[in-house]
Amino acid sequence: MARDYYDVLGVQRDASPEEIQQAFRKLARKHHPDINKDPEAEERFKELNEAYGVLSDPGTRARYDRWGEDFRQIPEDYDERVAAGAGARGGGWSGWTTGYGRGGGGGVRQGTDHGDGFDGSGVDFEDLFGGIFGRGAARGPVPGADQEAEIQLTVQEAYRGGRRSVTLAGPDGQRTYDVRIPSGVTDGQRIRLAGEGGQGSGQAPRGDLYLRVRIKPDSRFRLEGRDIHVVLPVTPWEAALGASVPLPTPGGTAKVTVPAGSSSGRRLRLRGEGMPSPRGPAGDLYAEVRIMVPPKPTDRERELFEELAAVSTFDPRKSG
């Protein structure tokens, strides 16, 4: 059984979006494979990303809270299908609940009698729900099954969004889809292609196709949820005197001010310059200062460095 996503992030089920984001950031920094060399760190980081991708989206989180780990197998129009199925049987049923979420008892619990002569004991649950959950033999058209495939994106593609042609191999051969990539899509998030899933029986509609996003590793950009981390190379004089320098980002080149007296490892935060979010604030961009020296200094550069060494009293190895 998959771990509960709330347990993965170490938060309560009623945690606020801010608490979920803070918990993810703290754990992502601890377990990122570029920082943590433990062999299990990468899998732990992927688990954190998946949990955050679900719980940071209000709609997906609501579905997860209702259905638990089975939420991806439940059609998004589940309630409409059940209502249509119940209406076709002539009843006025309401109040149906299920036990597929956390804390549920499993199976289906009956609702209330609206005066049509039934108390729920004669309803064939397998007949009513079989077409949705794939159990039992349905006595009519059965909607097609939902399907899932992976789509790999670069950090820039995920940041900017746009349209992308995707070719997938299936039982009927290869098919090409024109996919709209939402700006700010994150690793593990799914893109829904309505009606592109399995074929339904009779006149029933096809299922949906879900493309699970996998973001390719990038030597320049490190992602932690919606936060972006980049290395900012600077010269010794830029670090000592301060400077405005260009900074590569997934959206293009930006300008960042390096404060005077910056040392390697200093992080400069650009609020709201991380991955966009369609339902909330964007992430932040963190630029880590890294002082670089000329690999082969000229005679004049060497002379100036020697002069600085002779007059400077600064000793970085002394505490305080």
Protein backbone atom coordinates (compact mmCIF):
# COMPACT_ATOMS: atom_id res chain seq x y z
CA MET A 1 0.00 0.00 0.00
CA ALA A 2 1.30 3.46 -0.90
CA ARG A 3 2.23 5.75 1.96
CA ASP A 4 -0.26 8.41 2.93
CA TYR A 5 0.82 11.67 1.30
CA TYR A 6 0.21 13.61 4.51
CA ASP A 7 2.53 11.22 6.33
CA VAL A 8 5.14 11.63 3.58
CA LEU A 9 5.26 15.38 4.22
CA GLY A 10 4.77 15.01 7.98
CA VAL A 11 1.70 17.27 8.17
CA GLN A 12 -1.81 16.92 9.56
CA ARG A 13 -4.72 16.31 7.21
CA ASP A 14 -6.09 19.78 7.93
CA ALA A 15 -2.75 21.46 7.19
CA SER A 16 -2.96 24.79 5.36
CA PRO A 17 -1.39 25.22 1.89
CA GLU A 18 1.37 27.29 3.51
CA GLU A 19 2.15 24.53 6.02
CA ILE A 20 2.29 21.95 3.23
CA GLN A 21 4.65 24.14 1.20
CA GLN A 22 6.93 24.78 4.17
CA ALA A 23 7.09 21.08 5.05
CA PHE A 24 7.92 20.16 1.47
CA ARG A 25 10.67 22.77 1.16
CA LYS A 26 12.31 21.62 4.37
CA LEU A 27 12.27 17.93 3.40
CA ALA A 28 13.20 18.55 -0.24
CA ARG A 29 16.36 20.39 0.79
CA LYS A 30 17.26 17.52 3.10
CA HIS A 31 16.69 14.69 0.62
CA HIS A 32 17.60 16.22 -2.74
CA PRO A 33 20.02 13.76 -4.41
CA ASP A 34 22.39 16.60 -5.35
CA ILE A 35 22.85 17.28 -1.64
CA ASN A 36 22.10 13.98 0.09
CA LYS A 37 24.30 11.14 -1.17
CA ASP A 38 22.34 8.43 0.62
CA PRO A 39 21.33 5.79 -2.01
CA GLU A 40 17.69 6.09 -0.90
CA ALA A 41 17.59 9.89 -1.11
CA GLU A 42 16.51 9.98 -4.77
CA GLU A 43 13.50 7.72 -4.17
CA ARG A 44 12.59 9.71 -1.07
CA PHE A 45 12.81 12.94 -3.07
CA LYS A 46 10.55 11.53 -5.79
CA GLU A 47 8.05 10.48 -3.12
CA LEU A 48 8.10 14.00 -1.67
CA ASN A 49 7.57 15.52 -5.12
CA GLU A 50 4.61 13.25 -5.82
CA ALA A 51 3.01 14.00 -2.44
CA TYR A 52 3.48 17.74 -2.86
CA GLY A 53 2.14 17.65 -6.43
CA VAL A 54 -1.10 16.13 -5.13
CA LEU A 55 -1.57 18.11 -1.91
CA SER A 56 -0.57 21.51 -3.35
CA ASP A 57 -3.39 21.41 -5.90
CA PRO A 58 -6.75 22.10 -4.19
CA GLY A 59 -8.78 20.04 -6.66
CA THR A 60 -6.46 17.04 -6.63
CA ARG A 61 -6.14 17.23 -2.85
CA ALA A 62 -9.94 17.15 -2.48
CA ARG A 63 -10.11 14.03 -4.66
CA TYR A 64 -7.30 12.40 -2.65
CA ASP A 65 -9.03 13.24 0.64
CA ARG A 66 -12.21 11.61 -0.65
CA TRP A 67 -10.81 8.52 -2.36
CA GLY A 68 -7.40 7.97 -0.83
CA GLU A 69 -4.77 6.15 -2.90
CA ASP A 70 -7.43 5.03 -5.42
CA PHE A 71 -8.26 8.60 -6.46
CA ARG A 72 -6.51 8.33 -9.84
CA GLN A 73 -8.68 5.36 -10.80
CA ILE A 74 -11.91 7.23 -10.07
CA PRO A 75 -13.25 9.16 -13.08
CA GLU A 76 -13.44 12.91 -12.47
CA ASP A 77 -17.09 12.82 -13.52
CA TYR A 78 -17.79 9.98 -11.10
CA ASP A 79 -20.73 11.69 -9.37
CA GLU A 80 -22.39 12.46 -12.70
CA ARG A 81 -22.01 8.83 -13.80
CA VAL A 82 -23.49 7.52 -10.57
CA ALA A 83 -26.37 9.99 -10.75
CA ALA A 84 -27.06 8.97 -14.33
CA GLY A 85 -26.89 5.29 -13.41
CA ALA A 86 -29.26 5.73 -10.48
CA GLY A 87 -31.64 7.83 -12.53
CA ALA A 88 -31.79 5.17 -15.22
CA ARG A 89 -33.08 2.74 -12.59
CA GLY A 90 -36.03 4.96 -11.80
CA GLY A 91 -35.02 5.87 -8.25
CA GLY A 92 -34.52 9.18 -6.56
CA TRP A 93 -31.47 8.10 -4.61
CA SER A 94 -29.14 10.60 -2.98
CA GLY A 95 -26.51 10.67 -0.30
CA TRP A 96 -24.33 7.90 -1.72
CA THR A 97 -20.94 7.69 -0.08
CA THR A 98 -18.04 5.33 -0.52
CA GLY A 99 -15.38 3.82 1.66
CA TYR A 100 -12.44 4.23 -0.68
CA GLY A 101 -10.96 7.23 1.10
CA ARG A 102 -8.82 7.17 4.23
CA GLY A 103 -10.92 6.11 7.18
CA GLY A 104 -13.58 4.49 4.99
CA GLY A 105 -14.70 0.97 5.63
CA GLY A 106 -14.44 -0.20 2.04
CA GLY A 107 -17.33 -0.93 -0.28
CA VAL A 108 -20.43 1.22 -0.81
CA ARG A 109 -22.83 2.45 1.84
CA GLN A 110 -26.44 3.03 0.90
CA GLY A 111 -28.18 6.41 1.03
CA THR A 112 -31.75 7.32 1.94
CA ASP A 113 -35.17 6.25 0.64
CA HIS A 114 -37.00 8.99 -1.24
CA GLY A 115 -40.35 7.24 -1.26
CA ASP A 116 -39.97 5.00 -4.27
CA GLY A 117 -40.56 1.82 -2.27
CA PHE A 118 -36.93 0.74 -1.98
CA ASP A 119 -34.85 0.74 1.16
CA GLY A 120 -31.59 0.02 -0.67
CA SER A 121 -31.47 -3.69 0.13
CA GLY A 122 -32.43 -4.72 -3.40
CA VAL A 123 -29.91 -2.61 -5.28
CA ASP A 124 -27.27 -4.52 -7.23
CA PHE A 125 -24.14 -2.56 -6.33
CA GLU A 126 -22.00 -4.47 -8.81
CA ASP A 127 -24.44 -3.54 -11.56
CA LEU A 128 -24.52 0.09 -10.50
CA PHE A 129 -20.77 0.61 -10.04
CA GLY A 130 -19.21 -2.16 -12.14
CA GLY A 131 -18.80 0.01 -15.22
CA ILE A 132 -16.98 2.63 -13.19
CA PHE A 133 -14.67 0.49 -11.09
CA GLY A 134 -14.23 -2.41 -13.49
CA ARG A 135 -15.86 -4.98 -11.20
CA GLY A 136 -18.61 -7.30 -12.23
CA ALA A 137 -20.49 -7.53 -15.51
CA ALA A 138 -22.30 -4.39 -16.59
CA ARG A 139 -25.74 -4.75 -18.21
CA GLY A 140 -25.25 -1.98 -20.71
CA PRO A 141 -22.71 0.28 -22.32
CA VAL A 142 -19.53 0.52 -20.23
CA PRO A 143 -17.38 3.67 -20.35
CA GLY A 144 -13.83 3.13 -21.53
CA ALA A 145 -11.03 2.77 -19.02
CA ASP A 146 -8.73 5.66 -18.18
CA GLN A 147 -5.14 5.19 -19.33
CA GLU A 148 -1.83 6.74 -18.36
CA ALA A 149 1.48 7.43 -20.09
CA GLU A 150 4.56 9.55 -19.36
CA ILE A 151 5.68 12.75 -21.03
CA GLN A 152 9.19 14.11 -20.53
CA LEU A 153 9.72 17.88 -20.44
CA THR A 154 12.71 20.13 -20.02
CA VAL A 155 12.66 22.66 -17.19
CA GLN A 156 12.12 25.42 -19.76
CA GLU A 157 9.14 23.61 -21.32
CA ALA A 158 7.58 23.07 -17.91
CA TYR A 159 8.17 26.72 -16.98
CA ARG A 160 6.80 28.30 -20.13
CA GLY A 161 4.10 25.82 -21.09
CA GLY A 162 2.73 25.83 -24.63
CA ARG A 163 1.74 23.20 -27.13
CA ARG A 164 3.60 19.97 -27.74
CA SER A 165 3.10 17.14 -30.23
CA VAL A 166 3.29 13.78 -28.45
CA THR A 167 3.36 10.38 -30.17
CA LEU A 168 2.48 7.33 -28.08
CA ALA A 169 2.43 3.65 -28.93
CA GLY A 170 -0.81 1.82 -28.12
CA PRO A 171 -2.61 -1.43 -28.92
CA ASP A 172 -3.92 0.11 -32.14
CA GLY A 173 -0.54 1.44 -33.23
CA GLN A 174 1.00 4.87 -32.76
CA ARG A 175 -1.14 7.93 -32.19
CA THR A 176 -0.08 11.57 -32.15
CA TYR A 177 -1.68 14.11 -29.82
CA ASP A 178 -1.52 17.89 -29.76
CA VAL A 179 -1.05 18.55 -26.04
CA ARG A 180 -1.37 21.87 -24.22
CA ILE A 181 1.30 22.04 -21.51
CA PRO A 182 0.16 24.29 -18.62
CA SER A 183 2.71 26.89 -17.57
CA GLY A 184 4.38 25.81 -14.33
CA VAL A 185 3.57 22.11 -14.54
CA THR A 186 5.54 20.14 -11.93
CA ASP A 187 7.16 16.71 -11.87
CA GLY A 188 4.54 14.02 -11.19
CA GLN A 189 1.60 16.19 -12.22
CA ARG A 190 -0.84 14.74 -14.73
CA ILE A 191 -2.27 16.34 -17.88
CA ARG A 192 -5.72 15.09 -18.83
CA LEU A 193 -6.68 14.40 -22.45
CA ALA A 194 -10.44 13.92 -22.25
CA GLY A 195 -11.86 11.09 -24.35
CA GLU A 196 -8.46 9.77 -25.48
CA GLY A 197 -8.39 6.70 -23.24
CA GLY A 198 -9.74 3.18 -23.69
CA GLN A 199 -12.65 2.46 -26.00
CA GLY A 200 -16.04 2.08 -24.31
CA SER A 201 -18.53 -0.66 -25.17
CA GLY A 202 -21.71 0.03 -27.08
CA GLN A 203 -22.37 3.76 -27.25
CA ALA A 204 -20.45 4.51 -24.05
CA PRO A 205 -17.77 7.23 -24.23
CA ARG A 206 -14.06 6.57 -24.26
CA GLY A 207 -12.05 6.95 -21.08
CA ASP A 208 -9.48 9.66 -20.53
CA LEU A 209 -5.74 9.61 -21.18
CA TYR A 210 -3.51 11.05 -18.46
CA LEU A 211 0.04 12.13 -19.24
CA ARG A 212 2.24 12.05 -16.16
CA VAL A 213 4.91 14.73 -16.34
CA ARG A 214 8.54 13.83 -15.78
CA ILE A 215 10.95 16.77 -15.83
CA LYS A 216 14.40 15.97 -17.19
CA PRO A 217 17.42 16.69 -14.98
CA ASP A 218 19.13 19.98 -15.87
CA SER A 219 22.72 20.93 -15.05
CA ARG A 220 21.72 24.59 -14.57
CA PHE A 221 18.41 24.42 -12.73
CA ARG A 222 17.51 22.37 -9.65
CA LEU A 223 13.83 22.17 -8.78
CA GLU A 224 12.32 21.80 -5.32
CA GLY A 225 8.58 21.86 -5.90
CA ARG A 226 8.01 25.28 -7.49
CA ASP A 227 11.29 26.75 -6.23
CA ILE A 228 14.21 26.96 -8.66
CA HIS A 229 17.84 26.86 -7.53
CA VAL A 230 20.66 28.11 -9.76
CA VAL A 231 24.38 28.72 -9.31
CA LEU A 232 25.46 32.33 -9.87
CA PRO A 233 29.16 32.54 -10.85
CA VAL A 234 30.79 35.89 -9.93
CA THR A 235 34.30 37.31 -10.02
CA PRO A 236 36.17 38.08 -6.81
CA TRP A 237 35.81 41.83 -7.42
CA GLU A 238 32.06 41.52 -8.11
CA ALA A 239 31.65 39.63 -4.84
CA ALA A 240 33.78 42.12 -2.90
CA LEU A 241 32.47 45.37 -4.39
CA GLY A 242 28.93 44.36 -5.37
CA ALA A 243 27.56 44.26 -8.91
CA SER A 244 24.53 43.77 -11.09
CA VAL A 245 25.08 40.57 -13.09
CA PRO A 246 23.08 38.48 -15.58
CA LEU A 247 21.37 35.36 -14.26
CA PRO A 248 20.04 32.52 -16.45
CA THR A 249 16.46 31.45 -15.63
CA PRO A 250 14.07 29.04 -17.39
CA GLY A 251 12.19 32.09 -18.69
CA GLY A 252 15.26 33.89 -20.03
CA THR A 253 18.06 36.04 -18.64
CA ALA A 254 17.39 38.27 -15.63
CA LYS A 255 19.50 40.80 -13.74
CA VAL A 256 20.36 40.21 -10.10
CA THR A 257 22.15 42.49 -7.67
CA VAL A 258 25.05 40.89 -5.79
CA PRO A 259 25.53 42.76 -2.49
CA ALA A 260 29.04 43.93 -1.68
CA GLY A 261 30.91 41.52 0.56
CA SER A 262 29.18 38.37 -0.72
CA SER A 263 30.94 35.07 -0.17
CA SER A 264 30.47 31.75 -1.97
CA GLY A 265 27.37 29.97 -0.71
CA ARG A 266 25.34 33.13 -0.12
CA ARG A 267 21.80 32.67 -1.42
CA LEU A 268 19.97 35.50 -3.13
CA ARG A 269 16.19 35.08 -3.14
CA LEU A 270 14.09 36.36 -6.01
CA ARG A 271 10.55 36.14 -4.70
CA GLY A 272 7.96 34.91 -7.19
CA GLU A 273 10.54 34.17 -9.92
CA GLY A 274 10.30 30.38 -9.60
CA MET A 275 7.88 28.04 -11.38
CA PRO A 276 4.50 29.67 -12.12
CA SER A 277 1.34 28.27 -10.54
CA PRO A 278 -2.13 28.47 -12.11
CA ARG A 279 -3.86 28.30 -8.72
CA GLY A 280 -1.63 30.23 -6.35
CA PRO A 281 1.63 32.10 -5.89
CA ALA A 282 4.65 31.21 -8.00
CA GLY A 283 7.67 29.65 -6.40
CA ASP A 284 10.87 31.53 -5.64
CA LEU A 285 14.21 31.53 -7.42
CA TYR A 286 17.35 31.10 -5.33
CA ALA A 287 20.69 32.13 -6.80
CA GLU A 288 23.71 30.72 -4.94
CA VAL A 289 26.81 32.87 -5.22
CA ARG A 290 29.92 31.02 -6.36
CA ILE A 291 33.17 33.01 -6.61
CA MET A 292 35.29 32.08 -9.61
CA VAL A 293 38.90 33.07 -10.26
CA PRO A 294 40.71 33.31 -13.61
CA PRO A 295 42.05 29.82 -14.42
CA LYS A 296 45.08 31.36 -16.15
CA PRO A 297 45.57 34.92 -14.84
CA THR A 298 47.45 37.34 -17.03
CA ASP A 299 50.66 38.89 -15.80
CA ARG A 300 48.78 42.05 -14.85
CA GLU A 301 46.05 40.11 -13.05
CA ARG A 302 48.66 38.16 -11.10
CA GLU A 303 50.41 41.41 -10.22
CA LEU A 304 47.17 42.91 -8.88
CA PHE A 305 46.34 39.79 -6.88
CA GLU A 306 49.82 39.81 -5.38
CA GLU A 307 49.41 43.49 -4.48
CA LEU A 308 46.07 42.73 -2.82
CA ALA A 309 47.60 39.82 -0.89
CA ALA A 310 50.35 42.12 0.35
CA VAL A 311 48.08 44.88 1.68
CA SER A 312 45.00 42.94 2.83
CA THR A 313 44.65 41.85 6.45
CA PHE A 314 41.60 39.69 5.73
CA ASP A 315 41.91 36.06 6.86
CA PRO A 316 38.88 33.89 6.05
CA ARG A 317 40.16 31.09 8.30
CA LYS A 318 39.85 33.17 11.44
CA SER A 319 36.49 32.93 13.16
CA GLY A 320 34.61 36.12 13.89
